[in-house]
Amino acid sequence: MNNIKKSILASIETKIKLISDEVFLAELERIGSRIITALKLGRKVLIAGNGGSAADAQHFAAELAGKFIHKRKGLPAIALTTNSSVITAIGNDFGYEHVFSRQIEGLGQQGDIFVGISTSGNSQNLIRAMQSAKNIGISTVGLLGKDGGFMKNYCDLRLIVPSPNTQHIQEAHITIIHELCSLIDEAFKNHA
């Protein structure tokens, strides 16, 4: 029982650090605003991650394309983690480090937003995706953990969850995603 309590308390403490950090909260609002502006201009959100972060990318895209709280029009959001034929073809022909950058080259347009989700911030395929996005004129957002890793250097905007524990970073990432969805939902709630 003590281990369970310790783990849950550590998760809560991670989130308390976030809500106590005014810089973090301001950056969260900035990211929400940037995504809202892009969507209102008819642009799309491209999202990617590996492992649990791939699931978070899909979750984020689903909330935008479907609905979060309010019934509203579907918003253009694509998780680059879902097409196994594309991922395996690119991985086989070019290497796994290119699975997201090649998709960004094919799907991305200037003014879009790319959200890369990584608990370590060191995923080579996400770093290459950030580079490809920047070459096209796509804004880059990182949801990161630990110290932000190398990815923090490629993000226009970033939120770094200051925890060494992958599970607590992932739990905070899904909270961040839900807060972004809430901001976006509010901005589009009268657009049915």
N, C-alpha and C. Protein backbone atom coordinates (compact mmCIF):
# COMPACT_ATOMS: atom_id res chain seq x y z
N MET A 1 0.81 -1.20 0.00
CA MET A 1 0.00 0.00 0.00
C MET A 1 0.86 1.26 0.00
N ASN A 2 1.97 1.26 0.74
CA ASN A 2 2.83 2.44 0.82
C ASN A 2 3.42 2.81 -0.54
N ASN A 3 3.81 1.80 -1.32
CA ASN A 3 4.37 2.09 -2.65
C ASN A 3 3.35 2.74 -3.56
N ILE A 4 2.10 2.29 -3.47
CA ILE A 4 1.03 2.88 -4.28
C ILE A 4 0.84 4.34 -3.88
N LYS A 5 0.77 4.59 -2.58
CA LYS A 5 0.58 5.97 -2.10
C LYS A 5 1.75 6.86 -2.52
N LYS A 6 2.96 6.34 -2.41
CA LYS A 6 4.15 7.12 -2.79
C LYS A 6 4.11 7.49 -4.27
N SER A 7 3.72 6.53 -5.09
CA SER A 7 3.67 6.77 -6.54
C SER A 7 2.61 7.82 -6.89
N ILE A 8 1.44 7.70 -6.29
CA ILE A 8 0.37 8.67 -6.56
C ILE A 8 0.75 10.05 -6.04
N LEU A 9 1.35 10.10 -4.87
CA LEU A 9 1.81 11.40 -4.33
C LEU A 9 2.88 12.03 -5.21
N ALA A 10 3.79 11.23 -5.75
CA ALA A 10 4.81 11.76 -6.65
C ALA A 10 4.18 12.33 -7.91
N SER A 11 3.14 11.68 -8.41
CA SER A 11 2.42 12.18 -9.58
C SER A 11 1.75 13.51 -9.27
N ILE A 12 1.11 13.59 -8.11
CA ILE A 12 0.45 14.83 -7.69
C ILE A 12 1.47 15.94 -7.51
N GLU A 13 2.59 15.63 -6.90
CA GLU A 13 3.65 16.64 -6.68
C GLU A 13 4.17 17.19 -8.01
N THR A 14 4.28 16.32 -9.02
CA THR A 14 4.72 16.78 -10.35
C THR A 14 3.74 17.81 -10.90
N LYS A 15 2.45 17.54 -10.77
CA LYS A 15 1.44 18.48 -11.28
C LYS A 15 1.39 19.76 -10.44
N ILE A 16 1.64 19.65 -9.15
CA ILE A 16 1.69 20.85 -8.30
C ILE A 16 2.84 21.75 -8.74
N LYS A 17 3.97 21.15 -9.10
CA LYS A 17 5.10 21.95 -9.62
C LYS A 17 4.67 22.74 -10.85
N LEU A 18 3.88 22.10 -11.70
CA LEU A 18 3.44 22.76 -12.94
C LEU A 18 2.50 23.93 -12.66
N ILE A 19 1.52 23.72 -11.79
CA ILE A 19 0.56 24.81 -11.55
C ILE A 19 1.15 25.92 -10.68
N SER A 20 2.29 25.66 -10.09
CA SER A 20 2.98 26.68 -9.30
C SER A 20 3.97 27.49 -10.13
N ASP A 21 4.16 27.11 -11.37
CA ASP A 21 5.15 27.73 -12.24
C ASP A 21 4.46 28.67 -13.23
N GLU A 22 4.51 29.97 -12.96
CA GLU A 22 3.83 30.97 -13.79
C GLU A 22 4.38 30.98 -15.22
N VAL A 23 5.66 30.74 -15.39
CA VAL A 23 6.26 30.70 -16.73
C VAL A 23 5.68 29.53 -17.51
N PHE A 24 5.57 28.39 -16.87
CA PHE A 24 4.99 27.20 -17.50
C PHE A 24 3.55 27.48 -17.93
N LEU A 25 2.76 28.07 -17.04
CA LEU A 25 1.35 28.35 -17.34
C LEU A 25 1.21 29.35 -18.49
N ALA A 26 2.08 30.35 -18.52
CA ALA A 26 2.04 31.33 -19.60
C ALA A 26 2.40 30.66 -20.93
N GLU A 27 3.37 29.75 -20.90
CA GLU A 27 3.76 29.03 -22.12
C GLU A 27 2.62 28.13 -22.60
N LEU A 28 1.92 27.50 -21.67
CA LEU A 28 0.76 26.67 -22.01
C LEU A 28 -0.30 27.52 -22.73
N GLU A 29 -0.57 28.71 -22.22
CA GLU A 29 -1.52 29.61 -22.88
C GLU A 29 -1.02 30.04 -24.25
N ARG A 30 0.27 30.33 -24.36
CA ARG A 30 0.86 30.73 -25.65
C ARG A 30 0.70 29.62 -26.69
N ILE A 31 0.95 28.39 -26.27
CA ILE A 31 0.81 27.25 -27.18
C ILE A 31 -0.65 27.11 -27.62
N GLY A 32 -1.56 27.19 -26.67
CA GLY A 32 -2.99 27.12 -27.00
C GLY A 32 -3.37 28.20 -27.99
N SER A 33 -2.91 29.41 -27.76
CA SER A 33 -3.20 30.54 -28.65
C SER A 33 -2.63 30.31 -30.04
N ARG A 34 -1.40 29.80 -30.11
CA ARG A 34 -0.76 29.54 -31.40
C ARG A 34 -1.55 28.49 -32.19
N ILE A 35 -2.00 27.43 -31.51
CA ILE A 35 -2.77 26.38 -32.18
C ILE A 35 -4.11 26.94 -32.64
N ILE A 36 -4.78 27.70 -31.80
CA ILE A 36 -6.08 28.29 -32.15
C ILE A 36 -5.94 29.19 -33.38
N THR A 37 -4.92 30.03 -33.40
CA THR A 37 -4.70 30.92 -34.54
C THR A 37 -4.49 30.11 -35.81
N ALA A 38 -3.65 29.08 -35.75
CA ALA A 38 -3.40 28.25 -36.93
C ALA A 38 -4.69 27.60 -37.42
N LEU A 39 -5.47 27.05 -36.50
CA LEU A 39 -6.73 26.39 -36.88
C LEU A 39 -7.71 27.39 -37.49
N LYS A 40 -7.79 28.59 -36.94
CA LYS A 40 -8.69 29.61 -37.48
C LYS A 40 -8.26 30.06 -38.87
N LEU A 41 -6.99 29.93 -39.18
CA LEU A 41 -6.47 30.28 -40.50
C LEU A 41 -6.56 29.10 -41.48
N GLY A 42 -7.21 28.02 -41.05
CA GLY A 42 -7.39 26.86 -41.93
C GLY A 42 -6.20 25.93 -41.99
N ARG A 43 -5.30 26.03 -41.03
CA ARG A 43 -4.13 25.16 -40.98
C ARG A 43 -4.46 23.93 -40.13
N LYS A 44 -3.50 23.03 -40.03
CA LYS A 44 -3.74 21.79 -39.29
C LYS A 44 -2.67 21.56 -38.23
N VAL A 45 -2.97 20.61 -37.34
CA VAL A 45 -2.04 20.22 -36.29
C VAL A 45 -1.56 18.81 -36.61
N LEU A 46 -0.25 18.65 -36.71
CA LEU A 46 0.39 17.35 -36.90
C LEU A 46 1.04 16.97 -35.58
N ILE A 47 0.85 15.73 -35.14
CA ILE A 47 1.28 15.33 -33.80
C ILE A 47 1.99 13.98 -33.88
N ALA A 48 3.09 13.84 -33.12
CA ALA A 48 3.81 12.57 -33.13
C ALA A 48 4.51 12.33 -31.80
N GLY A 49 4.77 11.07 -31.53
CA GLY A 49 5.52 10.62 -30.36
C GLY A 49 5.79 9.14 -30.51
N ASN A 50 6.56 8.59 -29.62
CA ASN A 50 6.90 7.16 -29.63
C ASN A 50 6.33 6.48 -28.39
N GLY A 51 5.94 5.23 -28.51
CA GLY A 51 5.45 4.47 -27.36
C GLY A 51 4.21 5.11 -26.75
N GLY A 52 4.26 5.35 -25.43
CA GLY A 52 3.13 5.99 -24.75
C GLY A 52 2.84 7.37 -25.31
N SER A 53 3.87 8.06 -25.78
CA SER A 53 3.68 9.38 -26.37
C SER A 53 2.99 9.29 -27.72
N ALA A 54 3.13 8.15 -28.42
CA ALA A 54 2.37 7.93 -29.66
C ALA A 54 0.88 7.84 -29.33
N ALA A 55 0.57 7.15 -28.23
CA ALA A 55 -0.82 7.07 -27.79
C ALA A 55 -1.35 8.45 -27.42
N ASP A 56 -0.50 9.27 -26.79
CA ASP A 56 -0.91 10.64 -26.44
C ASP A 56 -1.15 11.46 -27.70
N ALA A 57 -0.33 11.26 -28.73
CA ALA A 57 -0.51 11.97 -30.00
C ALA A 57 -1.86 11.62 -30.61
N GLN A 58 -2.20 10.34 -30.59
CA GLN A 58 -3.48 9.89 -31.12
C GLN A 58 -4.64 10.43 -30.30
N HIS A 59 -4.47 10.45 -29.00
CA HIS A 59 -5.51 10.97 -28.10
C HIS A 59 -5.76 12.45 -28.42
N PHE A 60 -4.69 13.23 -28.56
CA PHE A 60 -4.79 14.66 -28.85
C PHE A 60 -5.51 14.88 -30.18
N ALA A 61 -5.10 14.14 -31.21
CA ALA A 61 -5.73 14.28 -32.53
C ALA A 61 -7.21 13.92 -32.47
N ALA A 62 -7.54 12.88 -31.71
CA ALA A 62 -8.94 12.46 -31.58
C ALA A 62 -9.80 13.53 -30.92
N GLU A 63 -9.25 14.16 -29.88
CA GLU A 63 -10.01 15.22 -29.18
C GLU A 63 -10.27 16.41 -30.10
N LEU A 64 -9.30 16.72 -30.98
CA LEU A 64 -9.47 17.85 -31.89
C LEU A 64 -10.40 17.50 -33.05
N ALA A 65 -10.19 16.35 -33.67
CA ALA A 65 -11.01 15.95 -34.81
C ALA A 65 -12.44 15.63 -34.39
N GLY A 66 -12.60 15.07 -33.19
CA GLY A 66 -13.93 14.75 -32.67
C GLY A 66 -14.47 15.90 -31.85
N LYS A 67 -14.48 15.69 -30.56
CA LYS A 67 -14.87 16.77 -29.64
C LYS A 67 -14.21 16.51 -28.31
N PHE A 68 -14.02 17.57 -27.57
CA PHE A 68 -13.49 17.43 -26.22
C PHE A 68 -14.66 17.55 -25.25
N ILE A 69 -15.18 18.75 -25.07
CA ILE A 69 -16.35 18.96 -24.21
C ILE A 69 -17.53 19.44 -25.05
N HIS A 70 -17.31 20.50 -25.82
CA HIS A 70 -18.39 21.12 -26.59
C HIS A 70 -18.54 20.46 -27.95
N LYS A 71 -19.79 20.38 -28.41
CA LYS A 71 -20.02 19.96 -29.78
C LYS A 71 -19.64 21.13 -30.66
N ARG A 72 -18.76 20.86 -31.60
CA ARG A 72 -18.27 21.88 -32.52
C ARG A 72 -17.80 21.16 -33.77
N LYS A 73 -17.42 21.95 -34.78
CA LYS A 73 -16.93 21.32 -36.00
C LYS A 73 -15.64 20.55 -35.70
N GLY A 74 -15.39 19.53 -36.50
CA GLY A 74 -14.14 18.79 -36.36
C GLY A 74 -12.98 19.66 -36.80
N LEU A 75 -11.88 19.55 -36.11
CA LEU A 75 -10.70 20.36 -36.41
C LEU A 75 -9.62 19.48 -37.04
N PRO A 76 -8.85 20.03 -37.99
CA PRO A 76 -7.87 19.22 -38.71
C PRO A 76 -6.63 18.89 -37.87
N ALA A 77 -6.57 17.67 -37.42
CA ALA A 77 -5.47 17.19 -36.60
C ALA A 77 -5.12 15.77 -37.05
N ILE A 78 -3.84 15.52 -37.22
CA ILE A 78 -3.38 14.22 -37.70
C ILE A 78 -2.29 13.69 -36.78
N ALA A 79 -2.51 12.49 -36.25
CA ALA A 79 -1.45 11.80 -35.50
C ALA A 79 -0.61 11.05 -36.52
N LEU A 80 0.66 11.36 -36.60
CA LEU A 80 1.55 10.74 -37.57
C LEU A 80 1.99 9.34 -37.15
N THR A 81 1.37 8.83 -36.12
CA THR A 81 1.76 7.54 -35.52
C THR A 81 0.82 6.40 -35.92
N THR A 82 -0.19 6.67 -36.73
CA THR A 82 -1.28 5.71 -36.88
C THR A 82 -1.25 4.85 -38.13
N ASN A 83 -0.55 5.26 -39.16
CA ASN A 83 -0.57 4.51 -40.41
C ASN A 83 0.61 3.55 -40.45
N SER A 84 0.34 2.30 -40.10
CA SER A 84 1.44 1.32 -40.00
C SER A 84 2.12 1.06 -41.33
N SER A 85 1.39 1.16 -42.43
CA SER A 85 2.02 0.96 -43.74
C SER A 85 3.01 2.08 -44.04
N VAL A 86 2.63 3.32 -43.74
CA VAL A 86 3.53 4.45 -43.97
C VAL A 86 4.75 4.33 -43.06
N ILE A 87 4.52 4.06 -41.78
CA ILE A 87 5.62 3.99 -40.82
C ILE A 87 6.59 2.87 -41.19
N THR A 88 6.07 1.70 -41.54
CA THR A 88 6.97 0.58 -41.85
C THR A 88 7.67 0.77 -43.19
N ALA A 89 7.00 1.38 -44.16
CA ALA A 89 7.64 1.64 -45.46
C ALA A 89 8.79 2.65 -45.30
N ILE A 90 8.51 3.75 -44.60
CA ILE A 90 9.55 4.75 -44.39
C ILE A 90 10.68 4.18 -43.53
N GLY A 91 10.31 3.47 -42.48
CA GLY A 91 11.32 2.85 -41.62
C GLY A 91 12.20 1.88 -42.38
N ASN A 92 11.61 1.09 -43.25
CA ASN A 92 12.35 0.12 -44.03
C ASN A 92 13.23 0.78 -45.09
N ASP A 93 12.68 1.77 -45.79
CA ASP A 93 13.39 2.38 -46.91
C ASP A 93 14.37 3.48 -46.51
N PHE A 94 14.07 4.19 -45.42
CA PHE A 94 14.89 5.34 -45.05
C PHE A 94 15.49 5.24 -43.64
N GLY A 95 14.89 4.42 -42.79
CA GLY A 95 15.32 4.30 -41.39
C GLY A 95 14.26 4.90 -40.48
N TYR A 96 14.17 4.33 -39.28
CA TYR A 96 13.12 4.75 -38.34
C TYR A 96 13.23 6.21 -37.95
N GLU A 97 14.43 6.77 -38.02
CA GLU A 97 14.60 8.17 -37.64
C GLU A 97 13.88 9.13 -38.61
N HIS A 98 13.39 8.61 -39.74
CA HIS A 98 12.72 9.45 -40.73
C HIS A 98 11.20 9.26 -40.77
N VAL A 99 10.64 8.41 -39.90
CA VAL A 99 9.21 8.07 -40.02
C VAL A 99 8.27 9.27 -39.86
N PHE A 100 8.68 10.28 -39.11
CA PHE A 100 7.82 11.46 -38.95
C PHE A 100 8.22 12.58 -39.90
N SER A 101 9.52 12.77 -40.13
CA SER A 101 9.97 13.87 -41.00
C SER A 101 9.46 13.69 -42.43
N ARG A 102 9.45 12.47 -42.93
CA ARG A 102 8.95 12.23 -44.29
C ARG A 102 7.46 12.54 -44.37
N GLN A 103 6.71 12.21 -43.33
CA GLN A 103 5.28 12.52 -43.34
C GLN A 103 5.05 14.03 -43.29
N ILE A 104 5.86 14.72 -42.51
CA ILE A 104 5.74 16.18 -42.45
C ILE A 104 6.04 16.78 -43.82
N GLU A 105 7.05 16.26 -44.50
CA GLU A 105 7.36 16.74 -45.85
C GLU A 105 6.18 16.55 -46.79
N GLY A 106 5.45 15.45 -46.63
CA GLY A 106 4.32 15.16 -47.52
C GLY A 106 3.02 15.83 -47.13
N LEU A 107 2.79 15.98 -45.84
CA LEU A 107 1.50 16.50 -45.36
C LEU A 107 1.54 17.94 -44.88
N GLY A 108 2.71 18.40 -44.47
CA GLY A 108 2.81 19.71 -43.82
C GLY A 108 2.80 20.85 -44.81
N GLN A 109 2.25 21.98 -44.32
CA GLN A 109 2.23 23.22 -45.09
C GLN A 109 2.63 24.36 -44.17
N GLN A 110 3.18 25.38 -44.76
CA GLN A 110 3.55 26.57 -43.99
C GLN A 110 2.34 27.03 -43.19
N GLY A 111 2.57 27.34 -41.92
CA GLY A 111 1.49 27.80 -41.05
C GLY A 111 0.87 26.71 -40.20
N ASP A 112 1.16 25.44 -40.52
CA ASP A 112 0.68 24.33 -39.68
C ASP A 112 1.43 24.35 -38.35
N ILE A 113 1.00 23.49 -37.45
CA ILE A 113 1.67 23.31 -36.15
C ILE A 113 2.10 21.85 -36.05
N PHE A 114 3.33 21.63 -35.64
CA PHE A 114 3.79 20.27 -35.33
C PHE A 114 4.02 20.17 -33.83
N VAL A 115 3.37 19.18 -33.21
CA VAL A 115 3.54 18.91 -31.79
C VAL A 115 4.30 17.60 -31.64
N GLY A 116 5.50 17.66 -31.08
CA GLY A 116 6.30 16.48 -30.80
C GLY A 116 6.24 16.18 -29.31
N ILE A 117 5.90 14.95 -28.97
CA ILE A 117 5.75 14.55 -27.58
C ILE A 117 6.85 13.54 -27.24
N SER A 118 7.66 13.85 -26.24
CA SER A 118 8.76 12.96 -25.85
C SER A 118 9.08 13.13 -24.38
N THR A 119 9.10 12.04 -23.65
CA THR A 119 9.42 12.13 -22.22
C THR A 119 10.90 12.43 -22.00
N SER A 120 11.76 12.02 -22.94
CA SER A 120 13.20 12.27 -22.79
C SER A 120 13.65 13.51 -23.54
N GLY A 121 12.96 13.82 -24.64
CA GLY A 121 13.39 14.92 -25.49
C GLY A 121 14.55 14.54 -26.39
N ASN A 122 14.85 13.27 -26.49
CA ASN A 122 16.02 12.83 -27.27
C ASN A 122 15.68 11.89 -28.41
N SER A 123 14.41 11.79 -28.78
CA SER A 123 14.00 10.89 -29.86
C SER A 123 14.47 11.44 -31.20
N GLN A 124 15.33 10.70 -31.86
CA GLN A 124 15.93 11.17 -33.11
C GLN A 124 14.87 11.42 -34.20
N ASN A 125 13.83 10.57 -34.24
CA ASN A 125 12.81 10.76 -35.26
C ASN A 125 12.00 12.04 -35.02
N LEU A 126 11.85 12.45 -33.77
CA LEU A 126 11.14 13.70 -33.47
C LEU A 126 12.03 14.91 -33.72
N ILE A 127 13.32 14.78 -33.43
CA ILE A 127 14.25 15.88 -33.72
C ILE A 127 14.29 16.14 -35.23
N ARG A 128 14.36 15.08 -36.02
CA ARG A 128 14.35 15.24 -37.49
C ARG A 128 13.02 15.82 -37.96
N ALA A 129 11.93 15.42 -37.32
CA ALA A 129 10.62 15.98 -37.67
C ALA A 129 10.58 17.48 -37.39
N MET A 130 11.15 17.88 -36.26
CA MET A 130 11.21 19.31 -35.92
C MET A 130 12.00 20.07 -36.99
N GLN A 131 13.12 19.50 -37.41
CA GLN A 131 13.94 20.14 -38.44
C GLN A 131 13.17 20.28 -39.76
N SER A 132 12.49 19.21 -40.16
CA SER A 132 11.70 19.26 -41.40
C SER A 132 10.59 20.29 -41.29
N ALA A 133 9.93 20.33 -40.14
CA ALA A 133 8.85 21.30 -39.93
C ALA A 133 9.37 22.72 -40.08
N LYS A 134 10.48 23.00 -39.44
CA LYS A 134 11.06 24.36 -39.52
C LYS A 134 11.41 24.73 -40.96
N ASN A 135 11.92 23.76 -41.74
CA ASN A 135 12.27 24.02 -43.14
C ASN A 135 11.06 24.42 -43.98
N ILE A 136 9.88 23.92 -43.59
CA ILE A 136 8.64 24.20 -44.33
C ILE A 136 7.97 25.48 -43.83
N GLY A 137 8.30 25.91 -42.62
CA GLY A 137 7.62 27.07 -42.04
C GLY A 137 6.48 26.65 -41.12
N ILE A 138 6.63 25.48 -40.53
CA ILE A 138 5.65 24.95 -39.57
C ILE A 138 6.15 25.28 -38.17
N SER A 139 5.27 25.82 -37.32
CA SER A 139 5.62 26.09 -35.93
C SER A 139 5.80 24.77 -35.19
N THR A 140 6.81 24.72 -34.32
CA THR A 140 7.10 23.48 -33.60
C THR A 140 6.85 23.66 -32.10
N VAL A 141 6.14 22.68 -31.55
CA VAL A 141 5.80 22.66 -30.13
C VAL A 141 6.31 21.35 -29.55
N GLY A 142 6.98 21.42 -28.43
CA GLY A 142 7.44 20.21 -27.75
C GLY A 142 6.78 20.04 -26.41
N LEU A 143 6.23 18.85 -26.18
CA LEU A 143 5.80 18.44 -24.85
C LEU A 143 6.88 17.47 -24.40
N LEU A 144 7.70 17.91 -23.45
CA LEU A 144 8.92 17.20 -23.10
C LEU A 144 8.96 16.86 -21.62
N GLY A 145 9.99 16.11 -21.23
CA GLY A 145 10.18 15.77 -19.83
C GLY A 145 11.64 15.90 -19.46
N LYS A 146 11.91 15.57 -18.21
CA LYS A 146 13.26 15.63 -17.64
C LYS A 146 13.84 17.02 -17.84
N ASP A 147 14.94 17.16 -18.60
CA ASP A 147 15.52 18.49 -18.84
C ASP A 147 15.19 19.01 -20.24
N GLY A 148 14.33 18.32 -20.96
CA GLY A 148 13.94 18.72 -22.31
C GLY A 148 14.78 18.09 -23.41
N GLY A 149 15.91 17.50 -23.03
CA GLY A 149 16.77 16.83 -24.01
C GLY A 149 17.18 17.73 -25.16
N PHE A 150 17.59 17.12 -26.26
CA PHE A 150 18.03 17.88 -27.43
C PHE A 150 16.86 18.55 -28.14
N MET A 151 15.66 17.96 -28.01
CA MET A 151 14.49 18.52 -28.71
C MET A 151 14.19 19.95 -28.31
N LYS A 152 14.48 20.31 -27.07
CA LYS A 152 14.14 21.67 -26.62
C LYS A 152 14.78 22.73 -27.50
N ASN A 153 15.89 22.39 -28.14
CA ASN A 153 16.59 23.33 -29.01
C ASN A 153 15.93 23.51 -30.37
N TYR A 154 14.98 22.66 -30.70
CA TYR A 154 14.31 22.71 -32.00
C TYR A 154 12.86 23.17 -31.89
N CYS A 155 12.41 23.50 -30.70
CA CYS A 155 11.01 23.88 -30.47
C CYS A 155 10.85 25.40 -30.45
N ASP A 156 9.85 25.88 -31.17
CA ASP A 156 9.49 27.30 -31.05
C ASP A 156 8.89 27.56 -29.67
N LEU A 157 8.06 26.62 -29.24
CA LEU A 157 7.43 26.68 -27.92
C LEU A 157 7.58 25.31 -27.28
N ARG A 158 7.75 25.27 -25.96
CA ARG A 158 7.93 23.98 -25.31
C ARG A 158 7.43 24.02 -23.87
N LEU A 159 6.96 22.87 -23.46
CA LEU A 159 6.59 22.65 -22.05
C LEU A 159 7.40 21.46 -21.57
N ILE A 160 8.20 21.68 -20.56
CA ILE A 160 9.06 20.62 -20.02
C ILE A 160 8.54 20.24 -18.64
N VAL A 161 8.18 18.98 -18.48
CA VAL A 161 7.73 18.47 -17.19
C VAL A 161 8.98 18.08 -16.40
N PRO A 162 9.27 18.79 -15.31
CA PRO A 162 10.53 18.57 -14.59
C PRO A 162 10.47 17.36 -13.64
N SER A 163 10.46 16.19 -14.23
CA SER A 163 10.43 14.96 -13.44
C SER A 163 11.36 13.95 -14.09
N PRO A 164 12.04 13.13 -13.30
CA PRO A 164 12.87 12.08 -13.87
C PRO A 164 12.07 10.81 -14.18
N ASN A 165 10.81 10.76 -13.78
CA ASN A 165 10.00 9.54 -13.90
C ASN A 165 9.10 9.59 -15.13
N THR A 166 9.34 8.67 -16.05
CA THR A 166 8.59 8.63 -17.31
C THR A 166 7.09 8.61 -17.07
N GLN A 167 6.63 7.78 -16.13
CA GLN A 167 5.18 7.66 -15.93
C GLN A 167 4.57 8.97 -15.46
N HIS A 168 5.28 9.72 -14.63
CA HIS A 168 4.73 10.99 -14.14
C HIS A 168 4.78 12.06 -15.24
N ILE A 169 5.79 11.99 -16.08
CA ILE A 169 5.85 12.90 -17.23
C ILE A 169 4.67 12.63 -18.15
N GLN A 170 4.40 11.35 -18.44
CA GLN A 170 3.28 11.00 -19.31
C GLN A 170 1.95 11.44 -18.70
N GLU A 171 1.80 11.26 -17.40
CA GLU A 171 0.56 11.70 -16.75
C GLU A 171 0.39 13.21 -16.85
N ALA A 172 1.49 13.94 -16.72
CA ALA A 172 1.43 15.39 -16.86
C ALA A 172 1.16 15.78 -18.31
N HIS A 173 1.75 15.05 -19.26
CA HIS A 173 1.51 15.36 -20.67
C HIS A 173 0.04 15.24 -21.02
N ILE A 174 -0.63 14.21 -20.52
CA ILE A 174 -2.05 14.07 -20.86
C ILE A 174 -2.87 15.18 -20.21
N THR A 175 -2.46 15.63 -19.03
CA THR A 175 -3.12 16.79 -18.40
C THR A 175 -2.92 18.03 -19.26
N ILE A 176 -1.70 18.24 -19.74
CA ILE A 176 -1.40 19.38 -20.61
C ILE A 176 -2.24 19.31 -21.88
N ILE A 177 -2.31 18.14 -22.49
CA ILE A 177 -3.11 17.95 -23.70
C ILE A 177 -4.57 18.30 -23.42
N HIS A 178 -5.09 17.85 -22.31
CA HIS A 178 -6.49 18.17 -21.97
C HIS A 178 -6.68 19.67 -21.76
N GLU A 179 -5.71 20.33 -21.16
CA GLU A 179 -5.82 21.78 -20.97
C GLU A 179 -5.78 22.50 -22.32
N LEU A 180 -4.92 22.05 -23.23
CA LEU A 180 -4.89 22.64 -24.57
C LEU A 180 -6.22 22.41 -25.28
N CYS A 181 -6.76 21.21 -25.16
CA CYS A 181 -8.07 20.91 -25.76
C CYS A 181 -9.16 21.80 -25.20
N SER A 182 -9.08 22.07 -23.92
CA SER A 182 -10.07 22.94 -23.27
C SER A 182 -10.00 24.35 -23.85
N LEU A 183 -8.78 24.89 -24.01
CA LEU A 183 -8.61 26.22 -24.60
C LEU A 183 -9.12 26.25 -26.03
N ILE A 184 -8.78 25.23 -26.79
CA ILE A 184 -9.19 25.15 -28.19
C ILE A 184 -10.71 24.99 -28.29
N ASP A 185 -11.26 24.12 -27.46
CA ASP A 185 -12.72 23.90 -27.43
C ASP A 185 -13.46 25.22 -27.18
N GLU A 186 -12.98 25.97 -26.21
CA GLU A 186 -13.62 27.24 -25.86
C GLU A 186 -13.60 28.19 -27.05
N ALA A 187 -12.49 28.21 -27.79
CA ALA A 187 -12.36 29.11 -28.93
C ALA A 187 -13.27 28.73 -30.10
N PHE A 188 -13.62 27.46 -30.20
CA PHE A 188 -14.41 26.97 -31.34
C PHE A 188 -15.81 26.50 -30.95
N LYS A 189 -16.24 26.75 -29.72
CA LYS A 189 -17.51 26.16 -29.27
C LYS A 189 -18.72 26.67 -30.02
N ASN A 190 -18.65 27.84 -30.62
CA ASN A 190 -19.78 28.37 -31.38
C ASN A 190 -19.64 28.12 -32.87
N HIS A 191 -18.70 27.27 -33.25
CA HIS A 191 -18.48 26.92 -34.65
C HIS A 191 -18.95 25.48 -34.89
N ALA A 192 -20.23 25.30 -35.02
CA ALA A 192 -20.78 23.94 -35.19
C ALA A 192 -20.72 23.49 -36.65
